Protein backbone atom coordinates (compact mmCIF):
# COMPACT_ATOMS: atom_id res chain seq x y z
CA UNK A 1 -8.85 -72.07 -31.97
CA UNK A 2 -6.86 -68.62 -30.86
CA UNK A 3 -3.48 -69.10 -31.89
CA UNK A 4 -2.39 -65.17 -30.33
CA UNK A 5 -3.90 -62.87 -27.61
CA UNK A 6 -4.38 -59.31 -28.70
CA UNK A 7 -2.18 -56.83 -26.52
CA UNK A 8 -5.77 -55.80 -25.01
CA UNK A 9 -5.81 -59.18 -23.75
CA UNK A 10 -2.57 -59.04 -22.21
CA UNK A 11 -3.41 -56.05 -21.12
CA UNK A 12 -6.59 -57.40 -19.11
CA UNK A 13 -4.44 -60.51 -17.62
CA UNK A 14 -2.00 -58.08 -16.06
CA UNK A 15 -4.76 -55.85 -14.61
CA UNK A 16 -6.13 -58.97 -13.10
CA UNK A 17 -9.52 -57.73 -15.02
CA UNK A 18 -10.20 -61.40 -15.82
CA UNK A 19 -11.69 -64.75 -14.46
CA UNK A 20 -10.18 -67.50 -12.83
CA UNK A 21 -10.86 -69.79 -15.55
CA UNK A 22 -9.42 -66.71 -18.40
CA UNK A 23 -6.45 -66.61 -15.98
CA UNK A 24 -5.77 -70.03 -16.23
CA UNK A 25 -6.00 -70.50 -19.59
CA UNK A 26 -3.96 -67.59 -20.58
CA UNK A 27 -0.96 -68.69 -17.85
CA UNK A 28 -1.17 -72.23 -20.08
CA UNK A 29 -0.96 -69.76 -23.41
CA UNK A 30 1.88 -67.72 -22.44
CA UNK A 31 4.13 -70.70 -21.11
CA UNK A 32 3.45 -72.61 -24.66
CA UNK A 33 3.91 -69.05 -26.57
CA UNK A 34 6.76 -67.51 -27.47
CA UNK A 35 5.40 -64.61 -29.05
CA UNK A 36 2.48 -63.87 -26.28
CA UNK A 37 5.03 -64.50 -23.71
CA UNK A 38 7.73 -61.46 -25.46
CA UNK A 39 4.45 -59.55 -25.94
CA UNK A 40 3.57 -59.80 -22.86
CA UNK A 41 7.03 -59.18 -20.86
CA UNK A 42 7.34 -56.14 -23.03
CA UNK A 43 3.92 -54.99 -21.78
CA UNK A 44 4.89 -55.86 -18.12
CA UNK A 45 8.41 -53.98 -17.78
CA UNK A 46 6.50 -51.27 -19.63
CA UNK A 47 4.43 -50.88 -17.31
CA UNK A 48 6.62 -51.01 -14.51
CA UNK A 49 8.48 -48.16 -16.39
CA UNK A 50 5.26 -45.67 -15.85
CA UNK A 51 4.91 -46.57 -12.84
CA UNK A 52 7.76 -45.09 -11.66
CA UNK A 53 7.89 -42.43 -13.45
CA UNK A 54 6.53 -39.08 -12.17
CA UNK A 55 5.04 -37.57 -15.20
CA UNK A 56 4.25 -39.25 -18.45
CA UNK A 57 3.11 -38.36 -21.86
CA UNK A 58 -0.98 -39.04 -22.31
CA UNK A 59 -0.72 -40.42 -25.67
CA UNK A 60 1.96 -42.70 -24.77
CA UNK A 61 0.64 -45.74 -23.84
CA UNK A 62 -2.26 -45.36 -26.40
CA UNK A 63 1.13 -44.61 -29.62
CA UNK A 64 2.84 -47.64 -28.07
CA UNK A 65 -0.38 -50.27 -28.20
CA UNK A 66 -0.47 -49.18 -31.39
CA UNK A 67 2.61 -49.57 -32.70
CA UNK A 68 2.64 -52.85 -31.48
CA UNK A 69 -0.24 -53.97 -33.57
CA UNK A 70 0.92 -52.47 -36.37
CA UNK A 71 4.01 -54.55 -35.89
CA UNK A 72 1.99 -57.56 -36.16
CA UNK A 73 0.45 -56.46 -38.85
CA UNK A 74 3.47 -55.73 -40.73
CA UNK A 75 4.86 -59.07 -40.18
CA UNK A 76 1.58 -61.02 -41.30
CA UNK A 77 2.05 -58.89 -44.34
CA UNK A 78 5.55 -59.66 -44.89
CA UNK A 79 5.22 -63.49 -44.35
CA UNK A 80 2.16 -63.47 -47.07
CA UNK A 81 3.63 -61.57 -49.29
CA UNK A 82 6.51 -64.33 -49.44
CA UNK A 83 4.56 -66.93 -49.42
CA UNK A 84 2.70 -65.07 -52.53
CA UNK A 85 6.24 -65.37 -54.54
CA UNK A 86 6.90 -68.89 -53.96
CA UNK A 87 3.52 -70.17 -55.16
CA UNK A 88 4.59 -70.79 -59.03
CA UNK A 89 7.54 -72.92 -57.96
CA UNK A 90 5.09 -75.76 -56.60
CA UNK A 91 2.38 -75.31 -59.13
CA UNK A 92 4.95 -75.80 -62.06
CA UNK A 93 6.11 -79.18 -59.97
CA UNK A 94 2.58 -80.37 -59.94
CA UNK A 95 2.01 -79.49 -63.60
CA UNK A 96 5.24 -81.54 -64.28
CA UNK A 97 4.55 -84.37 -62.09
CA UNK A 98 1.22 -84.84 -63.43
CA UNK A 99 2.50 -85.22 -66.75
CA UNK A 100 5.36 -87.99 -65.98
CA UNK A 101 2.33 -89.85 -64.36
CA UNK A 102 0.15 -89.76 -67.28
CA UNK A 103 2.39 -90.69 -69.53
CA UNK A 104 3.81 -93.59 -67.21
CA UNK A 105 0.18 -94.85 -66.47
CA UNK A 106 -0.47 -94.88 -70.11
CA UNK A 107 2.82 -97.33 -70.88
CA UNK A 108 2.00 -99.23 -68.23
CA UNK A 109 -1.38 -99.96 -69.07
CA UNK A 110 -0.65 -101.34 -72.79
CA UNK A 111 2.99 -103.25 -71.21
CA UNK A 112 0.16 -104.91 -68.99
CA UNK A 113 -2.11 -106.03 -71.44
CA UNK A 114 0.87 -107.29 -73.69
CA UNK A 115 2.02 -109.23 -70.92
CA UNK A 116 -1.60 -110.79 -70.29
CA UNK A 117 -1.91 -111.55 -73.89
CA UNK A 118 1.27 -113.68 -74.34
CA UNK A 119 3.45 -114.36 -71.93
CA UNK A 120 0.41 -114.67 -69.00
CA UNK A 121 -0.87 -118.05 -70.73
CA UNK A 122 0.42 -121.55 -70.16
CA UNK A 123 0.47 -124.56 -72.03
CA UNK A 124 -2.51 -126.03 -73.81
CA UNK A 125 -4.42 -122.44 -71.89
CA UNK A 126 -7.11 -120.61 -74.04
CA UNK A 127 -7.80 -117.03 -74.06
CA UNK A 128 -11.11 -116.43 -72.19
CA UNK A 129 -13.77 -114.22 -74.67
CA UNK A 130 -14.28 -110.95 -73.70
CA UNK A 131 -17.46 -111.66 -72.54
CA UNK A 132 -16.15 -114.34 -70.00
CA UNK A 133 -14.09 -111.33 -68.62
CA UNK A 134 -17.00 -108.84 -68.39
CA UNK A 135 -19.06 -111.06 -66.49
CA UNK A 136 -16.44 -111.87 -64.15
CA UNK A 137 -15.49 -108.35 -63.72
CA UNK A 138 -19.66 -107.77 -63.02
CA UNK A 139 -19.63 -110.41 -60.56
CA UNK A 140 -16.59 -109.03 -58.31
CA UNK A 141 -18.20 -105.78 -58.17
CA UNK A 142 -21.28 -107.29 -57.21
CA UNK A 143 -19.50 -109.42 -54.50
CA UNK A 144 -17.62 -105.99 -53.02
CA UNK A 145 -21.06 -104.67 -51.19
CA UNK A 146 -21.19 -100.76 -50.00
CA UNK A 147 -23.16 -99.47 -47.21
CA UNK A 148 -24.09 -96.18 -45.11
CA UNK A 149 -22.70 -96.17 -41.89
CA UNK A 150 -23.45 -93.78 -38.73
CA UNK A 151 -20.38 -91.86 -37.42
CA UNK A 152 -20.02 -89.95 -34.07
CA UNK A 153 -16.68 -87.96 -34.41
CA UNK A 154 -15.34 -85.13 -32.17
CA UNK A 155 -13.88 -81.87 -33.34
CA UNK A 156 -12.56 -79.32 -30.91
CA UNK A 157 -14.49 -76.08 -30.25
CA UNK A 158 -12.62 -72.74 -31.71
CA UNK A 159 -11.37 -72.05 -27.71
CA UNK A 160 -9.75 -75.26 -27.49
CA UNK A 161 -11.48 -76.20 -23.97
CA UNK A 162 -13.47 -79.11 -25.22
CA UNK A 163 -14.65 -81.61 -28.23
CA UNK A 164 -17.93 -81.25 -29.44
CA UNK A 165 -20.03 -84.29 -31.32
CA UNK A 166 -20.94 -84.27 -35.32
CA UNK A 167 -22.84 -87.03 -36.80
CA UNK A 168 -21.66 -88.11 -40.28
CA UNK A 169 -22.76 -90.56 -42.43
CA UNK A 170 -20.17 -92.17 -44.76
CA UNK A 171 -20.53 -94.81 -47.13
CA UNK A 172 -17.99 -98.20 -46.29
CA UNK A 173 -17.29 -100.98 -48.30
CA UNK A 174 -17.89 -104.07 -46.92
CA UNK A 175 -15.11 -105.49 -44.31
CA UNK A 176 -13.58 -102.12 -44.58
CA UNK A 177 -12.39 -101.21 -40.74
CA UNK A 178 -14.18 -99.06 -39.67
CA UNK A 179 -11.62 -97.24 -36.93
CA UNK A 180 -9.68 -96.72 -40.42
CA UNK A 181 -12.78 -94.98 -41.63
CA UNK A 182 -12.71 -92.84 -38.22
CA UNK A 183 -9.33 -91.59 -38.36
CA UNK A 184 -9.84 -90.51 -42.14
CA UNK A 185 -12.71 -88.74 -41.40
CA UNK A 186 -11.16 -87.19 -38.63
CA UNK A 187 -8.56 -85.77 -40.73
CA UNK A 188 -11.29 -83.84 -43.60
CA UNK A 189 -12.11 -81.99 -40.32
CA UNK A 190 -15.65 -80.55 -39.61
CA UNK A 191 -18.40 -79.82 -41.50
CA UNK A 192 -18.15 -76.19 -42.57
CA UNK A 193 -15.34 -74.74 -45.38
CA UNK A 194 -13.96 -72.63 -42.60
CA UNK A 195 -13.02 -75.14 -40.12
CA UNK A 196 -10.09 -77.22 -40.62
CA UNK A 197 -8.59 -80.86 -39.37
CA UNK A 198 -7.46 -81.41 -36.05
CA UNK A 199 -4.84 -84.28 -37.43
CA UNK A 200 -1.28 -82.73 -37.89
CA UNK A 201 -0.50 -82.40 -41.55
CA UNK A 202 1.00 -84.98 -43.47
CA UNK A 203 0.33 -87.59 -40.71
CA UNK A 204 -0.53 -91.18 -42.24
CA UNK A 205 -1.97 -94.39 -40.23
CA UNK A 206 0.46 -97.05 -40.71
CA UNK A 207 -1.89 -99.69 -38.75
CA UNK A 208 -4.80 -100.18 -37.06
CA UNK A 209 -5.81 -102.82 -34.72
CA UNK A 210 -8.32 -103.23 -32.51
CA UNK A 211 -8.04 -106.38 -29.94
CA UNK A 212 -9.77 -106.92 -26.35
CA UNK A 213 -11.08 -103.55 -26.20
CA UNK A 214 -7.88 -102.15 -27.08
CA UNK A 215 -7.00 -100.34 -30.22
CA UNK A 216 -3.74 -99.82 -31.60
CA UNK A 217 -3.03 -97.03 -33.66
CA UNK A 218 0.14 -96.95 -35.49
CA UNK A 219 0.82 -93.31 -37.23
CA UNK A 220 3.65 -92.03 -39.36
CA UNK A 221 6.85 -89.67 -37.75
CA UNK A 222 4.24 -86.19 -38.96
CA UNK A 223 2.03 -86.94 -36.17
CA UNK A 224 4.30 -85.72 -33.72
CA UNK A 225 6.70 -83.33 -35.78
CA UNK A 226 4.10 -81.23 -37.27
CA UNK A 227 2.16 -80.86 -33.92
CA UNK A 228 2.09 -77.08 -33.90
CA UNK A 229 2.55 -77.51 -29.87
CA UNK A 230 0.85 -77.21 -26.51
CA UNK A 231 -0.78 -78.40 -23.96
CA UNK A 232 -4.40 -77.52 -25.51
CA UNK A 233 -3.62 -78.65 -28.73
CA UNK A 234 -2.65 -82.15 -27.41
CA UNK A 235 -5.36 -82.33 -24.87
CA UNK A 236 -8.07 -81.89 -27.75
CA UNK A 237 -6.26 -83.71 -30.46
CA UNK A 238 -6.20 -87.11 -28.28
CA UNK A 239 -9.98 -86.51 -27.34
CA UNK A 240 -10.39 -86.05 -30.59
CA UNK A 241 -9.27 -89.28 -31.60
CA UNK A 242 -9.86 -91.16 -28.41
CA UNK A 243 -13.67 -90.42 -28.04
CA UNK A 244 -14.21 -91.04 -31.58
CA UNK A 245 -12.85 -94.49 -31.70
CA UNK A 246 -14.65 -95.81 -28.30
CA UNK A 247 -17.82 -94.77 -29.76
CA UNK A 248 -17.02 -97.88 -31.36
CA UNK A 249 -18.31 -101.10 -29.57
CA UNK A 250 -15.33 -102.78 -29.43
CA UNK A 251 -13.17 -100.02 -28.92
CA UNK A 252 -13.03 -98.89 -24.61
CA UNK A 253 -8.99 -97.93 -24.84
CA UNK A 254 -6.70 -96.42 -27.37
CA UNK A 255 -2.89 -97.41 -27.64
CA UNK A 256 -0.95 -94.48 -29.77
CA UNK A 257 2.49 -95.74 -31.61
CA UNK A 258 4.75 -93.80 -33.66
CA UNK A 259 6.68 -95.65 -36.63
CA UNK A 260 5.28 -98.73 -34.91
CA UNK A 261 7.13 -97.82 -31.39
CA UNK A 262 5.55 -96.05 -28.04
CA UNK A 263 6.54 -92.65 -27.51
CA UNK A 264 6.73 -91.62 -23.78
CA UNK A 265 5.66 -88.36 -24.17
CA UNK A 266 4.35 -86.49 -26.72
CA UNK A 267 5.27 -82.90 -26.65
CA UNK A 268 3.95 -82.42 -23.67
CA UNK A 269 1.50 -84.79 -22.66
CA UNK A 270 2.55 -88.48 -21.75
CA UNK A 271 2.06 -90.79 -24.25
CA UNK A 272 2.77 -94.30 -23.96
CA UNK A 273 -0.02 -95.79 -22.16
CA UNK A 274 -3.74 -96.09 -23.25
CA UNK A 275 -6.36 -93.79 -23.19
CA UNK A 276 -9.76 -94.09 -22.41
CA UNK A 277 -13.10 -92.30 -23.46
CA UNK A 278 -12.83 -88.48 -21.49
CA UNK A 279 -16.73 -88.10 -20.96
CA UNK A 280 -15.87 -84.65 -19.29
CA UNK A 281 -13.95 -82.95 -22.03
CA UNK A 282 -17.31 -83.55 -24.33
CA UNK A 283 -19.21 -80.41 -24.78
CA UNK A 284 -22.70 -80.86 -26.77
CA UNK A 285 -22.77 -77.75 -29.46
CA UNK A 286 -24.86 -75.99 -27.19
CA UNK A 287 -22.87 -76.15 -24.05
CA UNK A 288 -19.77 -75.02 -25.35
CA UNK A 289 -17.77 -72.07 -23.93
CA UNK A 290 -19.07 -69.95 -27.19
CA UNK A 291 -22.64 -71.11 -26.52
CA UNK A 292 -22.38 -70.36 -22.91
CA UNK A 293 -21.62 -66.72 -23.33
CA UNK A 294 -23.75 -66.38 -26.38
CA UNK A 295 -26.71 -67.19 -24.11
CA UNK A 296 -25.48 -65.65 -20.79
CA UNK A 297 -25.23 -61.92 -23.28
CA UNK A 298 -28.67 -62.74 -24.16
CA UNK A 299 -29.78 -63.48 -21.12
CA UNK A 300 -27.87 -60.56 -19.42
CA UNK A 301 -29.74 -58.02 -21.91
CA UNK A 302 -33.50 -59.66 -20.74
CA UNK A 303 -32.59 -59.29 -17.01
CA UNK A 304 -31.62 -55.27 -17.91
CA UNK A 305 -35.02 -55.12 -19.46
CA UNK A 306 -36.80 -56.66 -16.74
CA UNK A 307 -34.41 -54.39 -14.20
CA UNK A 308 -35.53 -51.30 -16.16
CA UNK A 309 -39.37 -52.49 -16.83
CA UNK A 310 -39.64 -53.68 -13.01
CA UNK A 311 -40.53 -56.44 -14.18
CA UNK A 312 -40.25 -58.49 -11.08
CA UNK A 313 -42.23 -61.63 -12.63
CA UNK A 314 -40.14 -62.35 -15.06
CA UNK A 315 -36.83 -61.58 -12.97
CA UNK A 316 -38.30 -63.96 -10.26
CA UNK A 317 -38.27 -66.39 -12.73
CA UNK A 318 -34.93 -66.95 -13.04
CA UNK A 319 -33.38 -66.34 -9.92
CA UNK A 320 -31.42 -69.18 -8.59
CA UNK A 321 -33.55 -72.04 -6.82
CA UNK A 322 -30.73 -72.60 -3.84
CA UNK A 323 -28.95 -69.63 -3.66
CA UNK A 324 -31.66 -67.01 -4.46
CA UNK A 325 -30.41 -63.63 -5.34
CA UNK A 326 -27.93 -61.02 -3.37
CA UNK A 327 -27.19 -56.96 -3.55
CA UNK A 328 -24.33 -55.61 -3.47
CA UNK A 329 -24.04 -51.65 -3.39
CA UNK A 330 -20.55 -51.72 -4.09
CA UNK A 331 -18.18 -53.94 -5.89
CA UNK A 332 -17.14 -55.59 -2.65
CA UNK A 333 -19.11 -58.16 -2.09
CA UNK A 334 -19.67 -59.06 1.26
CA UNK A 335 -20.93 -62.72 1.39
CA UNK A 336 -22.22 -62.58 4.80
CA UNK A 337 -23.80 -58.99 5.41
CA UNK A 338 -25.00 -58.04 1.53
CA UNK A 339 -28.77 -58.59 1.67
CA UNK A 340 -30.27 -61.95 -0.32
CA UNK A 341 -34.01 -61.92 -1.33
CA UNK A 342 -35.95 -64.98 -2.67
CA UNK A 343 -37.53 -65.20 -5.97
CA UNK A 344 -40.94 -64.96 -4.01
CA UNK A 345 -39.90 -61.88 -1.88
CA UNK A 346 -38.37 -60.07 -5.59
CA UNK A 347 -42.14 -60.92 -7.19
CA UNK A 348 -44.42 -59.45 -4.03
CA UNK A 349 -41.74 -56.55 -2.31
CA UNK A 350 -41.26 -54.12 -4.68
CA UNK A 351 -44.15 -52.15 -3.74
CA UNK A 352 -43.62 -52.30 -0.03
CA UNK A 353 -43.10 -49.98 2.50
CA UNK A 354 -40.72 -51.72 4.32
CA UNK A 355 -37.20 -50.35 4.93
CA UNK A 356 -34.05 -52.53 4.61
CA UNK A 357 -30.36 -51.97 5.61
CA UNK A 358 -28.50 -52.84 2.66
CA UNK A 359 -24.75 -51.81 4.00
CA UNK A 360 -22.86 -48.51 4.28
CA UNK A 361 -22.57 -45.38 2.40
CA UNK A 362 -18.78 -44.89 0.98
CA UNK A 363 -17.42 -42.22 2.19
CA UNK A 364 -20.16 -40.93 4.76
CA UNK A 365 -20.12 -44.45 6.66
CA UNK A 366 -24.20 -44.12 7.23
CA UNK A 367 -26.24 -46.39 7.16
CA UNK A 368 -28.30 -47.37 3.52
CA UNK A 369 -31.76 -47.55 4.73
CA UNK A 370 -34.10 -47.69 1.28
CA UNK A 371 -37.10 -50.10 0.79
CA UNK A 372 -36.42 -52.21 -2.16
CA UNK A 373 -37.91 -50.13 -5.01
CA UNK A 374 -35.55 -46.54 -3.59
CA UNK A 375 -32.40 -49.74 -3.80
CA UNK A 376 -33.24 -50.24 -7.53
CA UNK A 377 -33.44 -45.98 -8.28
CA UNK A 378 -30.33 -45.64 -6.76
CA UNK A 379 -27.92 -49.33 -6.65
CA UNK A 380 -29.97 -50.95 -9.43
CA UNK A 381 -31.31 -49.24 -12.60
CA UNK A 382 -29.71 -45.88 -11.68
CA UNK A 383 -28.82 -45.31 -15.30
CA UNK A 384 -29.85 -46.77 -18.66
CA UNK A 385 -27.09 -49.90 -18.63
CA UNK A 386 -29.38 -51.47 -21.08
CA UNK A 387 -27.68 -48.91 -23.49
CA UNK A 388 -24.18 -49.15 -21.84
CA UNK A 389 -20.85 -47.75 -23.03
CA UNK A 390 -19.08 -50.90 -23.08
CA UNK A 391 -20.40 -54.44 -22.34
CA UNK A 392 -18.07 -56.98 -21.23
CA UNK A 393 -18.65 -61.17 -20.88
CA UNK A 394 -16.46 -62.63 -17.72
CA UNK A 395 -14.01 -59.97 -17.62
CA UNK A 396 -13.68 -56.54 -15.33
CA UNK A 397 -13.61 -52.74 -17.06
CA UNK A 398 -14.71 -50.34 -14.49
CA UNK A 399 -11.40 -50.16 -12.22
CA UNK A 400 -12.01 -47.94 -8.65
CA UNK A 401 -10.35 -48.26 -5.57
CA UNK A 402 -12.83 -50.70 -3.98
CA UNK A 403 -11.46 -54.03 -3.94
CA UNK A 404 -13.19 -55.73 -6.46
CA UNK A 405 -13.70 -59.33 -5.11
CA UNK A 406 -16.52 -60.55 -7.41
CA UNK A 407 -15.05 -63.51 -9.27
CA UNK A 408 -13.62 -64.57 -5.30
CA UNK A 409 -17.38 -64.32 -4.11
CA UNK A 410 -18.76 -66.15 -6.90
CA UNK A 411 -15.96 -68.75 -8.25
CA UNK A 412 -18.10 -70.48 -10.87
CA UNK A 413 -20.07 -67.65 -12.76
CA UNK A 414 -20.27 -66.12 -15.29
CA UNK A 415 -20.67 -62.35 -15.11
CA UNK A 416 -21.62 -59.63 -17.45
CA UNK A 417 -21.00 -56.06 -16.83
CA UNK A 418 -22.25 -52.54 -18.53
CA UNK A 419 -20.24 -49.79 -17.98
CA UNK A 420 -20.19 -46.07 -18.52
CA UNK A 421 -17.01 -43.93 -18.72
CA UNK A 422 -18.35 -41.16 -17.22
CA UNK A 423 -21.22 -38.28 -17.64
CA UNK A 424 -19.76 -34.87 -17.21
CA UNK A 425 -17.06 -33.96 -18.97
CA UNK A 426 -15.69 -31.89 -15.73
CA UNK A 427 -15.10 -35.01 -13.71
CA UNK A 428 -12.60 -36.31 -16.03
CA UNK A 429 -14.17 -39.78 -15.83
CA UNK A 430 -14.53 -40.48 -12.05
CA UNK A 431 -18.15 -40.22 -12.24
CA UNK A 432 -17.80 -43.77 -14.06
CA UNK A 433 -20.61 -46.50 -13.32
CA UNK A 434 -21.30 -50.12 -14.00
CA UNK A 435 -24.07 -52.71 -13.00
CA UNK A 436 -22.57 -56.55 -13.06
CA UNK A 437 -25.14 -59.44 -13.35
CA UNK A 438 -23.90 -62.69 -12.33
CA UNK A 439 -25.51 -66.10 -13.30
CA UNK A 440 -24.65 -69.22 -11.77
CA UNK A 441 -25.84 -72.95 -13.69
CA UNK A 442 -27.57 -75.35 -12.30
CA UNK A 443 -28.96 -78.67 -14.28
CA UNK A 444 -28.62 -77.21 -17.46
CA UNK A 445 -30.18 -73.83 -16.67
CA UNK A 446 -28.61 -70.76 -16.11
CA UNK A 447 -29.70 -68.34 -13.01
CA UNK A 448 -29.07 -65.07 -12.08
CA UNK A 449 -27.39 -65.09 -8.46
CA UNK A 450 -25.91 -61.35 -7.95
CA UNK A 451 -26.42 -57.74 -8.94
CA UNK A 452 -23.28 -55.49 -8.38
CA UNK A 453 -23.38 -51.98 -8.36
CA UNK A 454 -19.73 -50.32 -9.05
CA UNK A 455 -18.39 -46.65 -9.66
CA UNK A 456 -16.08 -44.22 -8.14
CA UNK A 457 -15.52 -44.14 -4.77
CA UNK A 458 -14.41 -41.64 -2.29
């Protein structure tokens, strides 16, 4: 899970160059994280100052950002150094405790043996022979049967916007409470050495009981006291526990108790009512936000290759079956007037001499009248975007003087942008260009719905 946003993240948020989904996530994080909120407020204040000044040192902003990142690094070093100096104390304490524990165990064992042999016998009783004791022990161990069970546990993804199932085999003793086993497995965390438990550190399961489909989970105060805070954390924590427990056929709802009592509010979330299973918060490993980004980036690269090679057969195979493919010559998407082509038209019209009206040229206002092939050469793959200088996922790079409404025109989409900062040094970046590929999901598959050309306009 992301703990803090970088200066670049905050700058994108301040500029508004992110999707609505990322904007809502960052707004929620800033409301809860004091560190990021202070950096954002500082960055916002500096931006306001710079906008009011007539002249500004060109390297001022670059030095400032570097300084802020350096301070953050320095703080981390100081924290690491301080923790290192304190390592010896707990180590020595653990060693001493271990010595005392071993001594107590040894003496206690001898005391118990002596007590059983002398005081544990009633009048007329005979001490059983060693062979009889061994037989009794063997019979007892045989009666405690163990078995392997399959569990489905739910853990948060790194972005903390869903939980992901993980199958796990666990050895349990006959009669063990599965609810207790599930909570203990959640405390171990997901598979992988780099992943940590979602359960707050030090939390203890005091008791668990299921009756009439309601599982009452009584936890120690550490479950609340050691909660790192934040609505996002609480949401994934509760969903992780509830969705894992409701995998059991006997559990339909989960009631949390803290030290035997209902708690009205966790730290942000309402906490005194039973929680039901939340299927909408579950994602399969290949459908998390991280997995989707990987898929979209790969799909974007394949799309650029098809555009460059004029592989219209492949391109037509990924066009949205319902919404088709819209072409926008500039970054303002005109949903009513921009031309839309079906997959069949894309497959067959690239060699056609038919001239289409694509809108108006910026500056002159003249009609853009081109064939499909001519439009591709001027407003689609006019630069080698597959080798773009910069690539972004679901956030803007290019910032021209035309209204950029891509995320408003495609609210449910994922957008790849391929950007060049300029080509002729004499223009000082005014000749920048970018291409945006817009993808939307249908029935678990992602399709191309828009191609948006962008660049500096007059």
